[in-house]
Amino acid sequence: MTTFSSLPKLGVGLNYQPGLRTALGSLEDLIDFFEISPDLLCRDRVRDGERALDYHPALLDEALRSTAGRPLVAHGLGLSIGSVAGWNEGYLRILDELSARRPFLWHSEHLAFLLTTDAAGRPLHTGVPLPLPFTEEALALLTPRAAALGSRYAAPFLLENFTYYLPDLPSDGGRDEVAFLNDLTERSGCGLLLDLYNFYCNAVNFRLDPHAALSRLRVHRVIEIHIAGGATHDGFQLDVHSKTTPEPVWELLEWVAPRAPHLAGIVYEVMEQALTLVGADGIRSQLARARDVWDKYCAADGRRRAHATS
């Protein structure tokens, strides 16, 4: 826990998207740090029969230029940490390269899997991330992997809670999502990227009380929080970052922020395809409101924004 307590309190961040660069000038005063997903700066190719990731040089250079002068954290999309046959080594290669060019303060990944095999044992990409069961078997698979990622770089590793749309995921001993997250973070030593919009989606889709669930979460493991907004389809709340944050998610943030002693940053997420829908003014409103929450709860005990006091 010493590692977590020594992290700088960054403040409010934004997930970097290549299409954001024209709007960054008008948002600069509200962005304390950036979150980069290395996968989004890559070409996904098949090489020697296996999927491989290679940086698009122009995209990587532009991302590093656009985020210069702000702290950086990394957020992966394609590691597939929950794949039985092994994670995506290609993702770790691009993360190694990013780390060499621009150190990050922590890195994170979705608690899900993308890579599996078909009936003939051939590699298969699921197309969308899929959740893991809440079982001892899953914990035994994930724990050493999360621990290894925590020591691979000079930066803590966080796992992000994930949306799941299938009911009745396998579970041992009545373990639910919160109990699984508690067990995983404690056993592996990793931190938690608490995506409150994902949490809200699961609560809506499965008619759960999100406040009751959060009250059982070991929030001392929360290092970063994601907020976002999305769409509904056939009654399901979908994990797409295409809108501003709904009020229930802001309420969850107001509950968690003062209770998470190691919270180091709040990130508003919006996908590139939705930038024109949300607009620079919409993004600005989200960052400003997140700043209000940060200053209200996280700066009250002397935790000032990193670059504001440097």
Protein backbone atom coordinates (compact mmCIF):
# COMPACT_ATOMS: atom_id res chain seq x y z
CA MET A 1 0.00 0.00 0.00
CA THR A 2 3.05 2.25 0.34
CA THR A 3 3.26 2.37 -3.44
CA PHE A 4 -0.31 3.63 -3.71
CA SER A 5 0.04 6.21 -0.97
CA SER A 6 3.11 7.68 -2.64
CA LEU A 7 1.37 8.31 -5.96
CA PRO A 8 0.94 11.99 -6.83
CA LYS A 9 -2.62 13.26 -6.64
CA LEU A 10 -3.07 14.27 -10.26
CA GLY A 11 -6.60 15.69 -10.27
CA VAL A 12 -8.84 15.53 -13.34
CA GLY A 13 -7.88 13.87 -16.60
CA LEU A 14 -9.16 13.09 -20.07
CA ASN A 15 -8.70 10.01 -22.21
CA TYR A 16 -6.65 11.01 -25.23
CA GLN A 17 -8.19 10.45 -28.65
CA PRO A 18 -6.48 11.31 -31.97
CA GLY A 19 -9.49 13.41 -32.97
CA LEU A 20 -9.18 15.57 -29.85
CA ARG A 21 -6.20 17.65 -30.85
CA THR A 22 -8.22 20.55 -32.30
CA ALA A 23 -10.21 20.89 -29.07
CA LEU A 24 -7.34 20.54 -26.60
CA GLY A 25 -6.45 24.23 -26.65
CA SER A 26 -9.84 25.24 -25.27
CA LEU A 27 -9.70 22.53 -22.59
CA GLU A 28 -6.11 22.92 -21.47
CA ASP A 29 -6.88 24.76 -18.25
CA LEU A 30 -9.09 21.91 -17.03
CA ILE A 31 -6.85 18.94 -17.85
CA ASP A 32 -4.35 17.91 -15.17
CA PHE A 33 -3.25 14.68 -16.87
CA PHE A 34 -3.95 12.45 -19.84
CA GLU A 35 -4.84 8.81 -20.11
CA ILE A 36 -3.53 7.12 -23.27
CA SER A 37 -4.69 3.78 -24.68
CA PRO A 38 -1.67 2.54 -26.66
CA ASP A 39 -3.86 0.18 -28.71
CA LEU A 40 -5.65 3.13 -30.33
CA LEU A 41 -2.37 4.34 -31.78
CA CYS A 42 -1.62 1.01 -33.47
CA ARG A 43 -2.31 -1.07 -36.52
CA ASP A 44 -3.76 -4.48 -35.71
CA ARG A 45 -2.18 -7.00 -38.09
CA VAL A 46 -1.85 -10.73 -38.58
CA ARG A 47 1.81 -11.78 -38.65
CA ASP A 48 2.99 -15.40 -38.93
CA GLY A 49 -0.54 -16.55 -38.25
CA GLU A 50 -0.91 -14.47 -35.05
CA ARG A 51 -2.33 -11.05 -34.31
CA ALA A 52 0.28 -8.34 -33.84
CA LEU A 53 0.20 -4.69 -32.85
CA ASP A 54 2.51 -2.04 -34.32
CA TYR A 55 2.44 1.66 -33.58
CA HIS A 56 1.41 3.96 -36.38
CA PRO A 57 4.40 6.35 -36.04
CA ALA A 58 2.46 9.50 -36.89
CA LEU A 59 -0.30 8.70 -34.38
CA LEU A 60 2.15 7.93 -31.60
CA ASP A 61 4.21 11.06 -32.25
CA GLU A 62 1.09 13.25 -32.34
CA ALA A 63 -0.18 11.72 -29.08
CA LEU A 64 3.11 12.38 -27.30
CA ARG A 65 3.22 15.96 -28.61
CA SER A 66 -0.41 16.68 -27.71
CA THR A 67 -0.01 15.39 -24.16
CA ALA A 68 3.40 16.94 -23.49
CA GLY A 69 3.59 18.95 -20.30
CA ARG A 70 1.02 16.81 -18.50
CA PRO A 71 1.48 13.60 -16.50
CA LEU A 72 0.53 10.42 -18.33
CA VAL A 73 -1.18 7.18 -17.35
CA ALA A 74 -1.71 4.20 -19.65
CA HIS A 75 -4.99 2.35 -20.12
CA GLY A 76 -4.98 -0.83 -22.18
CA LEU A 77 -7.82 -2.26 -24.21
CA GLY A 78 -6.39 -5.43 -25.68
CA LEU A 79 -4.19 -7.23 -23.14
CA SER A 80 -6.88 -9.89 -22.64
CA ILE A 81 -5.65 -10.62 -19.14
CA GLY A 82 -8.38 -13.23 -18.60
CA SER A 83 -7.61 -15.48 -21.56
CA VAL A 84 -6.99 -19.05 -20.43
CA ALA A 85 -4.34 -19.67 -23.09
CA GLY A 86 -2.39 -16.54 -22.16
CA TRP A 87 -2.59 -12.81 -22.57
CA ASN A 88 -1.73 -10.72 -25.61
CA GLU A 89 2.07 -10.41 -25.67
CA GLY A 90 1.73 -7.92 -28.52
CA TYR A 91 0.07 -5.43 -26.19
CA LEU A 92 2.92 -5.70 -23.70
CA ARG A 93 5.43 -4.99 -26.47
CA ILE A 94 3.73 -1.70 -27.34
CA LEU A 95 3.41 -0.82 -23.66
CA ASP A 96 7.14 -1.47 -23.25
CA GLU A 97 7.80 0.93 -26.11
CA LEU A 98 5.57 3.62 -24.62
CA SER A 99 7.25 3.22 -21.24
CA ALA A 100 10.66 3.70 -22.88
CA ARG A 101 9.56 6.87 -24.69
CA ARG A 102 7.34 8.41 -22.02
CA PRO A 103 7.09 7.06 -18.47
CA PHE A 104 3.59 6.65 -17.06
CA LEU A 105 2.57 6.94 -13.41
CA TRP A 106 0.38 3.87 -13.48
CA HIS A 107 -1.15 1.56 -16.05
CA SER A 108 -4.45 -0.29 -16.19
CA GLU A 109 -6.43 -2.84 -18.14
CA HIS A 110 -9.99 -4.14 -18.41
CA LEU A 111 -10.94 -7.14 -16.31
CA ALA A 112 -12.00 -9.18 -19.34
CA PHE A 113 -10.77 -11.36 -22.18
CA LEU A 114 -10.67 -11.03 -25.97
CA LEU A 115 -8.56 -13.97 -27.10
CA THR A 116 -9.66 -17.59 -27.05
CA THR A 117 -9.64 -20.62 -29.36
CA ASP A 118 -12.27 -22.25 -31.54
CA ALA A 119 -13.32 -25.89 -31.44
CA ALA A 120 -10.29 -26.84 -33.52
CA GLY A 121 -7.89 -25.03 -31.20
CA ARG A 122 -7.24 -22.17 -33.60
CA PRO A 123 -6.80 -18.61 -32.22
CA LEU A 124 -10.06 -16.66 -32.07
CA HIS A 125 -10.68 -12.99 -31.34
CA THR A 126 -14.07 -12.42 -29.70
CA GLY A 127 -14.50 -8.95 -31.23
CA VAL A 128 -15.67 -7.42 -27.96
CA PRO A 129 -14.28 -7.90 -24.43
CA LEU A 130 -16.07 -10.60 -22.45
CA PRO A 131 -16.36 -10.85 -18.65
CA LEU A 132 -14.92 -13.53 -16.41
CA PRO A 133 -16.84 -15.68 -13.94
CA PHE A 134 -16.67 -14.84 -10.25
CA THR A 135 -14.90 -18.07 -9.35
CA GLU A 136 -11.80 -19.33 -7.55
CA GLU A 137 -10.55 -20.68 -10.88
CA ALA A 138 -10.69 -17.20 -12.40
CA LEU A 139 -8.95 -15.72 -9.36
CA ALA A 140 -6.19 -18.33 -9.61
CA LEU A 141 -5.67 -17.35 -13.25
CA LEU A 142 -5.74 -13.58 -12.74
CA THR A 143 -3.87 -13.14 -9.46
CA PRO A 144 -0.34 -14.02 -10.62
CA ARG A 145 -0.82 -12.12 -13.87
CA ALA A 146 -1.91 -8.94 -12.10
CA ALA A 147 0.95 -9.29 -9.63
CA ALA A 148 3.46 -9.70 -12.49
CA LEU A 149 2.18 -6.57 -14.22
CA GLY A 150 2.60 -4.66 -10.99
CA SER A 151 6.32 -5.45 -10.98
CA ARG A 152 7.04 -5.31 -14.73
CA TYR A 153 7.11 -1.50 -14.82
CA ALA A 154 8.11 1.13 -12.30
CA ALA A 155 4.43 1.94 -11.91
CA PRO A 156 1.43 0.34 -10.18
CA PHE A 157 -1.02 -1.80 -12.14
CA LEU A 158 -4.80 -1.34 -11.89
CA LEU A 159 -7.69 -3.47 -13.11
CA GLU A 160 -10.94 -1.90 -14.28
CA ASN A 161 -14.32 -3.33 -13.35
CA PHE A 162 -16.22 -4.36 -16.44
CA THR A 163 -19.78 -4.36 -17.74
CA TYR A 164 -21.41 -7.72 -18.24
CA TYR A 165 -24.67 -8.38 -20.05
CA LEU A 166 -25.13 -12.11 -19.45
CA PRO A 167 -27.08 -13.00 -16.31
CA ASP A 168 -26.01 -15.67 -13.85
CA LEU A 169 -22.28 -15.64 -14.46
CA PRO A 170 -20.68 -18.64 -12.72
CA SER A 171 -19.81 -17.85 -9.12
CA ASP A 172 -18.34 -19.65 -6.14
CA GLY A 173 -19.98 -19.36 -2.76
CA GLY A 174 -22.34 -16.59 -3.80
CA ARG A 175 -19.45 -14.28 -4.75
CA ASP A 176 -20.66 -11.28 -6.74
CA GLU A 177 -18.76 -8.60 -8.68
CA VAL A 178 -17.80 -6.58 -5.60
CA ALA A 179 -16.58 -9.61 -3.67
CA PHE A 180 -14.59 -10.72 -6.71
CA LEU A 181 -12.93 -7.31 -7.06
CA ASN A 182 -12.12 -7.27 -3.35
CA ASP A 183 -10.55 -10.73 -3.49
CA LEU A 184 -8.61 -10.02 -6.67
CA THR A 185 -7.08 -6.72 -5.59
CA GLU A 186 -6.16 -8.01 -2.14
CA ARG A 187 -4.60 -11.26 -3.38
CA SER A 188 -2.68 -9.75 -6.27
CA GLY A 189 -1.71 -6.43 -4.72
CA CYS A 190 -3.01 -4.51 -7.73
CA GLY A 191 -5.10 -1.37 -7.53
CA LEU A 192 -8.59 -0.71 -8.83
CA LEU A 193 -9.66 1.56 -11.65
CA LEU A 194 -13.26 2.04 -10.60
CA ASP A 195 -15.36 2.77 -13.66
CA LEU A 196 -18.50 4.23 -12.15
CA TYR A 197 -20.37 4.23 -15.44
CA ASN A 198 -19.67 0.50 -15.87
CA PHE A 199 -20.80 -0.01 -12.29
CA TYR A 200 -23.97 1.95 -13.01
CA CYS A 201 -24.64 -0.08 -16.18
CA ASN A 202 -24.50 -3.33 -14.23
CA ALA A 203 -26.73 -1.91 -11.52
CA VAL A 204 -29.36 -0.80 -14.04
CA ASN A 205 -29.22 -3.96 -16.15
CA PHE A 206 -29.45 -6.33 -13.19
CA ARG A 207 -31.58 -4.15 -10.91
CA LEU A 208 -28.98 -3.80 -8.19
CA ASP A 209 -28.57 -1.05 -5.61
CA PRO A 210 -25.27 0.58 -6.63
CA HIS A 211 -24.83 2.39 -3.32
CA ALA A 212 -25.29 -0.81 -1.33
CA ALA A 213 -22.79 -2.55 -3.60
CA LEU A 214 -20.21 0.23 -3.33
CA SER A 215 -20.53 0.20 0.45
CA ARG A 216 -18.98 -3.29 0.37
CA LEU A 217 -16.12 -2.36 -1.96
CA ARG A 218 -12.65 -1.99 -0.44
CA VAL A 219 -12.24 1.55 -1.66
CA HIS A 220 -8.70 1.85 -0.30
CA ARG A 221 -7.73 0.01 -3.51
CA VAL A 222 -9.27 2.68 -5.75
CA ILE A 223 -6.53 4.70 -7.48
CA GLU A 224 -8.42 6.06 -10.48
CA ILE A 225 -12.09 6.64 -11.30
CA HIS A 226 -13.69 6.72 -14.74
CA ILE A 227 -16.88 8.63 -15.45
CA ALA A 228 -18.73 8.56 -18.77
CA GLY A 229 -22.16 8.43 -20.34
CA GLY A 230 -23.69 6.13 -22.92
CA ALA A 231 -26.78 4.82 -24.62
CA THR A 232 -29.55 2.33 -23.98
CA HIS A 233 -30.67 -0.43 -26.34
CA ASP A 234 -33.66 -2.70 -25.81
CA GLY A 235 -33.68 -1.76 -22.15
CA PHE A 236 -29.96 -2.35 -21.61
CA GLN A 237 -27.61 0.37 -20.46
CA LEU A 238 -24.63 0.05 -22.81
CA ASP A 239 -20.96 0.62 -22.08
CA VAL A 240 -20.32 3.14 -24.85
CA HIS A 241 -18.75 6.50 -24.06
CA SER A 242 -20.90 8.64 -26.29
CA LYS A 243 -22.63 11.11 -23.97
CA THR A 244 -22.14 13.25 -20.91
CA THR A 245 -22.23 11.57 -17.51
CA PRO A 246 -25.73 10.80 -16.16
CA GLU A 247 -26.73 12.16 -12.76
CA PRO A 248 -26.73 8.78 -10.95
CA VAL A 249 -23.06 8.37 -11.86
CA TRP A 250 -22.25 11.80 -10.47
CA GLU A 251 -24.02 10.76 -7.27
CA LEU A 252 -21.84 7.65 -7.06
CA LEU A 253 -18.74 9.80 -7.57
CA GLU A 254 -19.82 12.10 -4.75
CA TRP A 255 -20.14 9.02 -2.52
CA VAL A 256 -16.83 7.36 -3.43
CA ALA A 257 -14.45 10.33 -3.71
CA PRO A 258 -14.32 11.24 -0.01
CA ARG A 259 -14.03 7.57 0.98
CA ALA A 260 -11.12 6.55 -1.28
CA PRO A 261 -7.92 7.61 0.51
CA HIS A 262 -5.60 6.74 -2.40
CA LEU A 263 -7.69 8.22 -5.20
CA ALA A 264 -5.17 9.91 -7.50
CA GLY A 265 -7.25 10.91 -10.50
CA ILE A 266 -10.71 11.19 -12.06
CA VAL A 267 -10.98 10.69 -15.84
CA TYR A 268 -13.86 11.62 -18.11
CA GLU A 269 -14.00 9.19 -21.02
CA VAL A 270 -15.43 9.88 -24.45
CA MET A 271 -14.79 7.81 -27.57
CA GLU A 272 -13.46 9.44 -30.71
CA GLN A 273 -16.60 8.70 -32.74
CA ALA A 274 -18.66 10.72 -30.23
CA LEU A 275 -16.46 13.81 -30.04
CA THR A 276 -18.73 15.78 -32.36
CA LEU A 277 -21.82 14.65 -30.41
CA VAL A 278 -20.49 15.73 -27.03
CA GLY A 279 -18.51 18.68 -28.39
CA ALA A 280 -15.78 20.75 -26.76
CA ASP A 281 -18.34 22.55 -24.58
CA GLY A 282 -19.77 19.25 -23.38
CA ILE A 283 -16.32 17.90 -22.54
CA ARG A 284 -15.50 21.14 -20.77
CA SER A 285 -18.63 20.88 -18.62
CA GLN A 286 -17.70 17.34 -17.57
CA LEU A 287 -14.13 18.26 -16.70
CA ALA A 288 -15.29 21.32 -14.75
CA ARG A 289 -17.82 19.33 -12.74
CA ALA A 290 -15.25 16.61 -12.03
CA ARG A 291 -12.87 19.34 -10.87
CA ASP A 292 -15.53 20.57 -8.45
CA VAL A 293 -15.76 17.07 -6.95
CA TRP A 294 -11.98 16.74 -6.79
CA ASP A 295 -11.50 20.10 -5.10
CA LYS A 296 -14.36 19.44 -2.71
CA TYR A 297 -13.19 16.05 -1.47
CA CYS A 298 -9.67 15.33 -2.61
CA ALA A 299 -7.96 18.68 -2.16
CA ALA A 300 -9.54 19.38 1.24
CA ASP A 301 -6.82 17.37 3.03
CA GLY A 302 -3.97 19.05 1.22
CA ARG A 303 -3.88 16.85 -1.86
CA ARG A 304 -3.36 19.56 -4.45
CA ARG A 305 -3.21 19.04 -8.19
CA ALA A 306 0.23 17.86 -9.27
CA HIS A 307 1.15 20.47 -11.88
CA ALA A 308 -0.59 23.31 -10.05
CA THR A 309 1.87 23.08 -7.15
CA SER A 310 5.00 22.19 -9.08
